[in-house]
N, C-alpha and C. Protein backbone atom coordinates (compact mmCIF):
# COMPACT_ATOMS: atom_id res chain seq x y z
N MET A 1 25.94 6.24 -21.45
CA MET A 1 24.99 6.26 -20.33
C MET A 1 24.37 7.65 -20.08
N VAL A 2 25.06 8.52 -20.64
CA VAL A 2 24.52 10.05 -20.43
C VAL A 2 23.52 10.37 -21.37
N GLU A 3 22.31 10.83 -20.99
CA GLU A 3 21.28 11.19 -21.68
C GLU A 3 21.14 12.66 -21.85
N LEU A 4 20.97 13.22 -22.99
CA LEU A 4 20.87 14.62 -23.25
C LEU A 4 19.43 14.89 -23.65
N ALA A 5 18.75 15.81 -22.95
CA ALA A 5 17.48 16.17 -23.33
C ALA A 5 17.38 17.72 -23.69
N VAL A 6 16.92 18.05 -24.87
CA VAL A 6 16.68 19.37 -25.19
C VAL A 6 15.24 19.60 -25.58
N ILE A 7 14.63 20.64 -24.88
CA ILE A 7 13.19 20.77 -25.19
C ILE A 7 12.98 22.21 -25.73
N SER A 8 12.30 22.27 -26.84
CA SER A 8 11.99 23.62 -27.47
C SER A 8 10.42 23.61 -27.81
N CYS A 9 9.86 24.73 -27.59
CA CYS A 9 8.46 24.94 -27.68
C CYS A 9 8.26 25.92 -28.95
N VAL A 10 7.26 25.54 -29.78
CA VAL A 10 6.93 26.37 -30.87
C VAL A 10 5.44 26.48 -30.90
N ASP A 11 4.99 27.75 -31.17
CA ASP A 11 3.48 27.85 -31.19
C ASP A 11 2.81 27.17 -32.37
N GLU A 12 1.86 26.38 -32.22
CA GLU A 12 1.25 25.53 -33.28
C GLU A 12 0.64 26.44 -34.29
N ARG A 13 0.13 27.67 -34.00
CA ARG A 13 -0.53 28.46 -35.01
C ARG A 13 0.51 29.09 -35.96
N GLU A 14 1.77 28.92 -35.68
CA GLU A 14 2.74 29.25 -36.74
C GLU A 14 3.26 28.06 -37.47
N ASN A 15 2.82 26.88 -37.00
CA ASN A 15 3.38 25.59 -37.56
C ASN A 15 2.16 25.07 -38.46
N ASP A 16 2.39 24.32 -39.55
CA ASP A 16 1.42 23.98 -40.46
C ASP A 16 0.97 22.48 -40.13
N ARG A 17 1.46 21.87 -39.09
CA ARG A 17 1.04 20.37 -38.78
C ARG A 17 -0.28 20.46 -37.92
N PRO A 18 -1.15 19.45 -38.34
CA PRO A 18 -2.45 19.41 -37.50
C PRO A 18 -2.04 19.04 -36.08
N GLY A 19 -2.97 19.39 -35.12
CA GLY A 19 -2.79 19.17 -33.72
C GLY A 19 -2.88 17.69 -33.32
N GLY A 20 -2.15 17.25 -32.31
CA GLY A 20 -2.15 15.94 -31.73
C GLY A 20 -1.37 14.89 -32.58
N GLU A 21 -0.58 15.45 -33.52
CA GLU A 21 0.35 14.51 -34.35
C GLU A 21 1.69 14.42 -33.65
N ILE A 22 2.24 13.16 -33.69
CA ILE A 22 3.53 12.90 -33.16
C ILE A 22 4.49 12.51 -34.26
N SER A 23 5.55 13.23 -34.60
CA SER A 23 6.45 12.82 -35.67
C SER A 23 7.82 12.50 -35.18
N HIS A 24 8.59 11.67 -35.82
CA HIS A 24 9.85 11.37 -35.50
C HIS A 24 10.90 11.95 -36.58
N ALA A 25 11.95 12.37 -36.25
CA ALA A 25 12.93 12.92 -37.31
C ALA A 25 13.48 11.74 -37.95
N GLY A 26 13.06 11.35 -39.19
CA GLY A 26 13.58 10.24 -39.81
C GLY A 26 12.89 8.94 -39.50
N ASP A 27 12.87 8.05 -40.49
CA ASP A 27 12.25 6.67 -40.17
C ASP A 27 13.17 5.65 -39.73
N THR A 28 14.38 5.83 -39.91
CA THR A 28 15.42 4.78 -39.32
C THR A 28 15.98 5.23 -37.94
N LYS A 29 16.48 4.18 -37.27
CA LYS A 29 16.92 4.32 -35.96
C LYS A 29 18.29 5.11 -36.10
N PRO A 30 18.43 6.04 -35.13
CA PRO A 30 19.66 6.82 -35.21
C PRO A 30 20.87 5.97 -34.81
N ALA A 31 22.09 6.18 -35.20
CA ALA A 31 23.19 5.48 -34.75
C ALA A 31 23.50 5.90 -33.33
N GLU A 32 24.43 5.19 -32.78
CA GLU A 32 24.81 5.43 -31.35
C GLU A 32 25.45 6.98 -31.25
N GLY A 33 24.92 7.63 -30.30
CA GLY A 33 25.43 8.99 -30.07
C GLY A 33 24.59 10.10 -30.85
N GLU A 34 23.72 9.68 -31.79
CA GLU A 34 22.93 10.60 -32.50
C GLU A 34 21.68 10.99 -31.59
N LEU A 35 21.12 12.11 -32.08
CA LEU A 35 19.99 12.56 -31.27
C LEU A 35 18.63 12.12 -31.91
N LEU A 36 17.69 11.72 -31.16
CA LEU A 36 16.43 11.33 -31.59
C LEU A 36 15.41 12.42 -31.25
N GLU A 37 14.72 12.90 -32.24
CA GLU A 37 13.92 14.05 -32.11
C GLU A 37 12.45 13.59 -32.08
N GLU A 38 11.63 14.04 -31.07
CA GLU A 38 10.26 13.67 -30.95
C GLU A 38 9.51 15.03 -30.71
N GLU A 39 8.36 15.14 -31.47
CA GLU A 39 7.61 16.32 -31.43
C GLU A 39 6.28 15.97 -30.94
N GLN A 40 5.71 16.60 -29.97
CA GLN A 40 4.34 16.40 -29.48
C GLN A 40 3.66 17.81 -29.45
N VAL A 41 2.43 17.73 -29.88
CA VAL A 41 1.58 18.90 -29.85
C VAL A 41 0.43 18.86 -28.87
N LYS A 42 0.52 19.79 -27.92
CA LYS A 42 -0.42 19.92 -26.83
C LYS A 42 -0.93 21.19 -26.62
N GLY A 43 -2.19 21.36 -26.65
CA GLY A 43 -2.87 22.70 -26.43
C GLY A 43 -2.33 23.83 -27.28
N GLY A 44 -2.10 23.66 -28.57
CA GLY A 44 -1.62 24.72 -29.48
C GLY A 44 -0.15 24.93 -29.43
N LEU A 45 0.61 24.27 -28.52
CA LEU A 45 2.16 24.40 -28.43
C LEU A 45 2.72 23.11 -28.91
N SER A 46 3.75 23.34 -29.73
CA SER A 46 4.49 22.09 -30.21
C SER A 46 5.76 22.00 -29.37
N VAL A 47 5.95 20.81 -28.83
CA VAL A 47 7.08 20.56 -28.00
C VAL A 47 7.88 19.61 -28.70
N THR A 48 9.26 19.88 -28.72
CA THR A 48 10.23 19.13 -29.47
C THR A 48 11.26 18.62 -28.41
N MET A 49 11.33 17.28 -28.24
CA MET A 49 12.32 16.86 -27.34
C MET A 49 13.43 16.00 -28.12
N GLN A 50 14.60 16.28 -27.75
CA GLN A 50 15.71 15.43 -28.36
C GLN A 50 16.46 14.72 -27.22
N THR A 51 16.65 13.44 -27.37
CA THR A 51 17.27 12.69 -26.40
C THR A 51 18.25 11.83 -27.03
N ALA A 52 19.46 11.59 -26.41
CA ALA A 52 20.53 10.87 -26.88
C ALA A 52 20.15 9.33 -26.88
N ASN A 53 20.46 8.62 -27.94
CA ASN A 53 20.09 7.16 -28.05
C ASN A 53 21.42 6.41 -28.03
N HIS A 54 21.61 5.66 -26.95
CA HIS A 54 22.84 4.90 -26.78
C HIS A 54 22.52 3.32 -26.86
N SER A 55 23.14 2.56 -27.54
CA SER A 55 22.94 1.16 -27.66
C SER A 55 23.39 0.51 -26.33
N SER A 56 24.25 1.12 -25.51
CA SER A 56 24.63 0.50 -24.27
C SER A 56 23.66 0.87 -23.07
N ASP A 57 22.63 1.36 -23.43
CA ASP A 57 21.54 1.73 -22.41
C ASP A 57 21.07 0.39 -21.78
N PRO A 58 21.14 0.39 -20.44
CA PRO A 58 20.75 -0.95 -19.75
C PRO A 58 19.28 -1.20 -19.74
N LYS A 59 18.52 -0.22 -20.06
CA LYS A 59 17.05 -0.37 -20.07
C LYS A 59 16.57 -1.23 -21.34
N ARG A 60 15.73 -2.30 -21.17
CA ARG A 60 15.40 -2.99 -22.21
C ARG A 60 13.93 -2.70 -22.48
N ALA A 61 13.58 -2.09 -23.59
CA ALA A 61 12.23 -1.60 -23.78
C ALA A 61 11.26 -2.72 -23.97
N ASP A 62 11.71 -3.97 -24.44
CA ASP A 62 10.87 -5.11 -24.71
C ASP A 62 10.51 -5.74 -23.32
N LYS A 63 11.23 -5.43 -22.36
CA LYS A 63 10.89 -6.06 -20.97
C LYS A 63 10.00 -5.15 -20.15
N ILE A 64 9.81 -4.01 -20.54
CA ILE A 64 8.91 -3.07 -19.79
C ILE A 64 7.44 -3.43 -19.86
N THR A 65 6.80 -3.67 -18.64
CA THR A 65 5.37 -4.02 -18.58
C THR A 65 4.72 -3.04 -17.66
N ARG A 66 3.52 -2.71 -17.97
CA ARG A 66 2.77 -1.89 -17.03
C ARG A 66 2.20 -2.60 -15.77
N TYR A 67 2.32 -1.97 -14.59
CA TYR A 67 1.82 -2.68 -13.47
C TYR A 67 0.37 -2.79 -13.39
N LYS A 68 -0.06 -3.99 -13.10
CA LYS A 68 -1.63 -4.38 -12.94
C LYS A 68 -1.76 -4.88 -11.46
N PRO A 69 -2.55 -4.34 -10.72
CA PRO A 69 -2.71 -4.83 -9.32
C PRO A 69 -3.44 -6.22 -9.46
N PRO A 70 -3.09 -7.13 -8.58
CA PRO A 70 -3.83 -8.40 -8.62
C PRO A 70 -5.15 -8.39 -8.37
N ALA A 71 -5.98 -9.28 -8.75
CA ALA A 71 -7.48 -9.35 -8.64
C ALA A 71 -7.75 -9.58 -7.19
N GLN A 72 -9.04 -9.30 -6.80
CA GLN A 72 -9.29 -9.43 -5.28
C GLN A 72 -9.40 -10.77 -4.81
N GLY A 73 -9.67 -11.80 -5.73
CA GLY A 73 -9.76 -13.20 -5.33
C GLY A 73 -8.38 -13.87 -5.17
N THR A 74 -7.27 -13.33 -5.63
CA THR A 74 -6.09 -14.06 -5.68
C THR A 74 -5.36 -13.88 -4.28
N PRO A 75 -4.62 -14.94 -3.89
CA PRO A 75 -3.94 -14.68 -2.56
C PRO A 75 -2.86 -13.66 -2.68
N GLY A 76 -2.76 -12.82 -1.60
CA GLY A 76 -1.74 -11.79 -1.66
C GLY A 76 -2.18 -10.58 -2.24
N ALA A 77 -3.57 -10.49 -2.51
CA ALA A 77 -4.12 -9.23 -3.13
C ALA A 77 -4.35 -8.26 -2.02
N PRO A 78 -4.33 -6.95 -2.37
CA PRO A 78 -4.49 -5.87 -1.36
C PRO A 78 -5.88 -6.07 -0.68
N GLY A 79 -5.82 -5.88 0.72
CA GLY A 79 -7.13 -6.01 1.31
C GLY A 79 -7.29 -7.33 1.95
N GLU A 80 -6.42 -8.33 1.76
CA GLU A 80 -6.63 -9.62 2.25
C GLU A 80 -5.83 -9.96 3.42
N ASP A 81 -5.46 -8.99 4.32
CA ASP A 81 -4.61 -9.27 5.51
C ASP A 81 -5.44 -9.82 6.54
N PRO A 82 -5.14 -11.08 7.00
CA PRO A 82 -5.89 -11.71 8.00
C PRO A 82 -5.52 -11.24 9.39
N THR A 83 -4.60 -10.47 9.72
CA THR A 83 -4.17 -10.07 10.96
C THR A 83 -5.36 -9.60 11.80
N THR A 84 -6.20 -8.71 11.28
CA THR A 84 -7.29 -8.25 12.03
C THR A 84 -8.27 -9.26 12.46
N ASP A 85 -8.54 -10.22 11.63
CA ASP A 85 -9.50 -11.39 12.08
C ASP A 85 -8.81 -12.23 13.20
N TYR A 86 -7.59 -12.53 12.96
CA TYR A 86 -6.89 -13.32 13.96
C TYR A 86 -6.88 -12.72 15.32
N MET A 87 -6.44 -11.48 15.36
CA MET A 87 -6.37 -10.76 16.61
C MET A 87 -7.78 -10.56 17.19
N ASN A 88 -8.79 -10.40 16.37
CA ASN A 88 -10.21 -10.30 16.95
C ASN A 88 -10.56 -11.61 17.61
N VAL A 89 -10.39 -12.74 17.03
CA VAL A 89 -10.66 -14.11 17.56
C VAL A 89 -9.86 -14.23 18.89
N LEU A 90 -8.51 -14.07 18.70
CA LEU A 90 -7.68 -14.07 19.91
C LEU A 90 -8.14 -13.32 21.11
N GLY A 91 -8.53 -12.06 20.81
CA GLY A 91 -9.00 -11.13 21.84
C GLY A 91 -10.30 -11.77 22.50
N MET A 92 -11.18 -12.33 21.76
CA MET A 92 -12.53 -12.89 22.26
C MET A 92 -11.99 -14.04 23.16
N ILE A 93 -11.11 -14.98 22.77
CA ILE A 93 -10.82 -16.09 23.49
C ILE A 93 -10.08 -15.73 24.75
N PHE A 94 -9.17 -14.74 24.83
CA PHE A 94 -8.56 -14.36 26.00
C PHE A 94 -9.42 -13.67 26.90
N SER A 95 -10.46 -13.00 26.30
CA SER A 95 -11.50 -12.24 27.15
C SER A 95 -12.32 -13.28 27.90
N MET A 96 -12.75 -14.29 27.28
CA MET A 96 -13.50 -15.31 27.94
C MET A 96 -12.69 -16.06 28.98
N CYS A 97 -11.44 -16.29 28.58
CA CYS A 97 -10.50 -16.98 29.75
C CYS A 97 -10.39 -16.02 30.96
N GLY A 98 -10.27 -14.75 30.64
CA GLY A 98 -10.04 -13.81 31.74
C GLY A 98 -11.33 -13.66 32.61
N LEU A 99 -12.47 -13.76 31.96
CA LEU A 99 -13.69 -13.67 32.71
C LEU A 99 -14.02 -14.91 33.49
N MET A 100 -13.80 -16.01 32.83
CA MET A 100 -14.23 -17.34 33.46
C MET A 100 -13.28 -17.83 34.51
N MET A 101 -11.99 -17.67 34.11
CA MET A 101 -11.01 -18.18 35.04
C MET A 101 -10.34 -17.09 36.03
N ARG A 102 -10.80 -15.94 35.85
CA ARG A 102 -10.30 -14.82 36.76
C ARG A 102 -8.83 -14.64 36.53
N LEU A 103 -8.34 -14.75 35.40
CA LEU A 103 -6.94 -14.48 35.14
C LEU A 103 -6.74 -13.13 34.52
N LYS A 104 -6.04 -12.35 35.27
CA LYS A 104 -5.85 -10.83 34.88
C LYS A 104 -5.00 -10.75 33.63
N TRP A 105 -3.95 -11.56 33.54
CA TRP A 105 -3.13 -11.52 32.50
C TRP A 105 -3.80 -11.87 31.13
N CYS A 106 -4.82 -12.87 31.23
CA CYS A 106 -5.55 -13.19 30.07
C CYS A 106 -6.38 -11.93 29.56
N ALA A 107 -6.90 -11.20 30.55
CA ALA A 107 -7.81 -10.05 30.21
C ALA A 107 -6.97 -8.96 29.54
N TRP A 108 -5.74 -8.73 30.19
CA TRP A 108 -4.81 -7.78 29.54
C TRP A 108 -4.30 -8.22 28.16
N VAL A 109 -4.11 -9.43 27.97
CA VAL A 109 -3.69 -9.88 26.53
C VAL A 109 -4.83 -9.66 25.63
N ALA A 110 -6.17 -9.98 26.01
CA ALA A 110 -7.31 -9.70 25.25
C ALA A 110 -7.40 -8.13 24.86
N LEU A 111 -7.24 -7.33 25.79
CA LEU A 111 -7.23 -5.93 25.40
C LEU A 111 -6.13 -5.54 24.52
N TYR A 112 -4.95 -6.16 24.64
CA TYR A 112 -3.93 -5.95 23.64
C TYR A 112 -4.20 -6.43 22.28
N CYS A 113 -4.86 -7.58 22.21
CA CYS A 113 -5.17 -8.12 20.93
C CYS A 113 -6.34 -7.34 20.24
N SER A 114 -7.19 -6.89 21.17
CA SER A 114 -8.24 -6.03 20.58
C SER A 114 -7.74 -4.66 19.98
N CYS A 115 -6.71 -4.15 20.65
CA CYS A 115 -6.10 -2.90 20.18
C CYS A 115 -5.47 -3.10 18.81
N ILE A 116 -4.71 -4.34 18.76
CA ILE A 116 -4.06 -4.58 17.42
C ILE A 116 -5.06 -4.83 16.34
N SER A 117 -6.12 -5.48 16.70
CA SER A 117 -7.18 -5.73 15.72
C SER A 117 -7.76 -4.38 15.21
N PHE A 118 -8.03 -3.39 16.14
CA PHE A 118 -8.68 -2.16 15.82
C PHE A 118 -7.64 -1.30 14.92
N ALA A 119 -6.30 -1.37 15.17
CA ALA A 119 -5.24 -0.69 14.59
C ALA A 119 -5.08 -1.20 13.04
N ASN A 120 -5.29 -2.39 12.90
CA ASN A 120 -5.03 -3.03 11.59
C ASN A 120 -6.33 -2.97 10.75
N ALA A 121 -7.37 -2.56 11.23
CA ALA A 121 -8.72 -2.63 10.56
C ALA A 121 -8.72 -1.77 9.40
N ARG A 122 -9.52 -2.16 8.41
CA ARG A 122 -9.73 -1.31 7.27
C ARG A 122 -11.24 -0.82 7.35
N VAL A 123 -11.49 0.17 6.47
CA VAL A 123 -12.75 0.95 6.51
C VAL A 123 -13.83 -0.07 6.26
N ASN A 124 -13.65 -1.11 5.32
CA ASN A 124 -14.72 -1.91 5.10
C ASN A 124 -15.00 -3.22 5.94
N ASP A 125 -14.13 -3.13 7.08
CA ASP A 125 -14.28 -4.32 7.93
C ASP A 125 -15.47 -4.14 8.92
N ASP A 126 -15.87 -5.23 9.49
CA ASP A 126 -17.09 -5.29 10.47
C ASP A 126 -16.66 -4.60 11.78
N THR A 127 -17.30 -3.31 11.75
CA THR A 127 -17.08 -2.55 12.98
C THR A 127 -17.85 -3.09 14.24
N LYS A 128 -18.98 -3.71 14.09
CA LYS A 128 -19.84 -4.20 15.15
C LYS A 128 -19.04 -5.40 15.93
N GLN A 129 -18.51 -6.26 15.17
CA GLN A 129 -17.79 -7.39 15.74
C GLN A 129 -16.48 -6.81 16.40
N MET A 130 -15.77 -5.87 15.85
CA MET A 130 -14.65 -5.36 16.42
C MET A 130 -14.88 -4.63 17.81
N LEU A 131 -16.03 -3.80 17.72
CA LEU A 131 -16.44 -3.05 18.88
C LEU A 131 -16.81 -4.01 20.02
N SER A 132 -17.60 -5.05 19.69
CA SER A 132 -17.96 -5.98 20.69
C SER A 132 -16.77 -6.79 21.32
N SER A 133 -15.85 -7.12 20.52
CA SER A 133 -14.56 -7.68 21.05
C SER A 133 -13.73 -6.73 21.93
N PHE A 134 -13.68 -5.48 21.56
CA PHE A 134 -12.99 -4.51 22.48
C PHE A 134 -13.71 -4.25 23.66
N MET A 135 -15.03 -4.21 23.61
CA MET A 135 -15.93 -4.05 24.84
C MET A 135 -15.78 -5.24 25.78
N LEU A 136 -15.73 -6.49 25.20
CA LEU A 136 -15.67 -7.64 26.05
C LEU A 136 -14.23 -7.71 26.64
N SER A 137 -13.20 -7.23 26.02
CA SER A 137 -11.84 -7.30 26.72
C SER A 137 -11.81 -6.21 27.72
N ILE A 138 -12.33 -5.09 27.57
CA ILE A 138 -12.37 -4.05 28.64
C ILE A 138 -13.12 -4.61 29.79
N SER A 139 -14.36 -5.25 29.49
CA SER A 139 -15.14 -5.72 30.62
C SER A 139 -14.40 -6.90 31.43
N ALA A 140 -13.55 -7.70 30.60
CA ALA A 140 -12.78 -8.71 31.34
C ALA A 140 -11.80 -8.04 32.27
N VAL A 141 -11.08 -7.05 31.83
CA VAL A 141 -10.11 -6.44 32.62
C VAL A 141 -10.84 -5.80 33.89
N VAL A 142 -11.97 -5.05 33.71
CA VAL A 142 -12.69 -4.47 34.80
C VAL A 142 -13.31 -5.54 35.81
N MET A 143 -13.75 -6.58 35.27
CA MET A 143 -14.31 -7.60 36.18
C MET A 143 -13.28 -8.33 36.94
N SER A 144 -12.09 -8.60 36.33
CA SER A 144 -11.13 -9.31 37.02
C SER A 144 -10.44 -8.56 38.18
N TYR A 145 -10.42 -7.14 38.03
CA TYR A 145 -9.97 -6.34 39.08
C TYR A 145 -11.05 -5.98 40.08
N LEU A 146 -12.32 -6.12 39.76
CA LEU A 146 -13.36 -5.97 40.71
C LEU A 146 -13.50 -7.22 41.64
N GLN A 147 -13.19 -8.32 41.03
CA GLN A 147 -13.34 -9.59 41.89
C GLN A 147 -12.14 -9.66 42.78
N ASN A 148 -10.97 -9.28 42.27
CA ASN A 148 -9.70 -9.35 43.08
C ASN A 148 -8.90 -8.03 42.92
N PRO A 149 -9.04 -7.10 43.68
CA PRO A 149 -8.36 -5.77 43.52
C PRO A 149 -6.75 -5.72 43.70
N GLN A 150 -6.24 -6.84 44.10
CA GLN A 150 -4.75 -7.07 44.28
C GLN A 150 -4.03 -6.78 42.94
N PRO A 151 -2.87 -6.31 43.02
CA PRO A 151 -2.11 -6.15 41.76
C PRO A 151 -1.87 -7.54 40.99
N MET A 152 -1.77 -7.59 39.78
CA MET A 152 -1.47 -8.73 38.97
C MET A 152 -0.17 -9.37 39.20
N THR A 153 -0.07 -10.62 39.50
CA THR A 153 1.10 -11.38 39.53
C THR A 153 1.32 -12.06 38.21
N PRO A 154 2.46 -12.01 37.59
CA PRO A 154 2.80 -12.63 36.37
C PRO A 154 2.61 -14.14 36.54
N PRO A 155 2.27 -14.85 35.46
CA PRO A 155 2.10 -16.37 35.62
C PRO A 155 3.47 -16.99 35.85
N TRP A 156 4.53 -16.49 35.42
CA TRP A 156 5.82 -17.18 35.61
C TRP A 156 6.50 -16.77 37.04
N SER A 157 5.91 -15.90 37.87
CA SER A 157 6.36 -15.66 39.13
C SER A 157 6.30 -16.73 40.22
N ASN A 158 5.32 -17.79 39.99
CA ASN A 158 5.15 -18.88 40.89
C ASN A 158 6.05 -19.99 40.60
N ILE A 159 6.89 -19.89 39.67
CA ILE A 159 7.81 -21.05 39.27
C ILE A 159 8.95 -21.22 40.23
């Protein structure tokens, strides 16, 4: 399980190989514990790496796949988080309840939902709708306190 890496650099101008060529030391697979030598040529310098090849290596080269992000239309794709939209709609509903029924706690919940919606928004989201929801919730809080300046009583205190 121990890997040994030795790197040596040789100037390509002194080497007779053409640039950009990758060569392996021998065509056969090295036995367990032998060194595998790989040479890469970059920018006129030849870099030789030697790594120990073990058959008990837990990494399986045939199972390695490159990560590809999911397409935009598939569920679970990046940018498809519905939290912003849900909180925006909830903020508008609670704002209207706070304005129409003069419930201060609904106005505060609306302001809370609008803040969550704003915090979870992405750059390409609709800013006009979010701003209107935010302003509606602020106006619900202000109007509910203008109509009744008494401190808010929680809805469960009357039970």
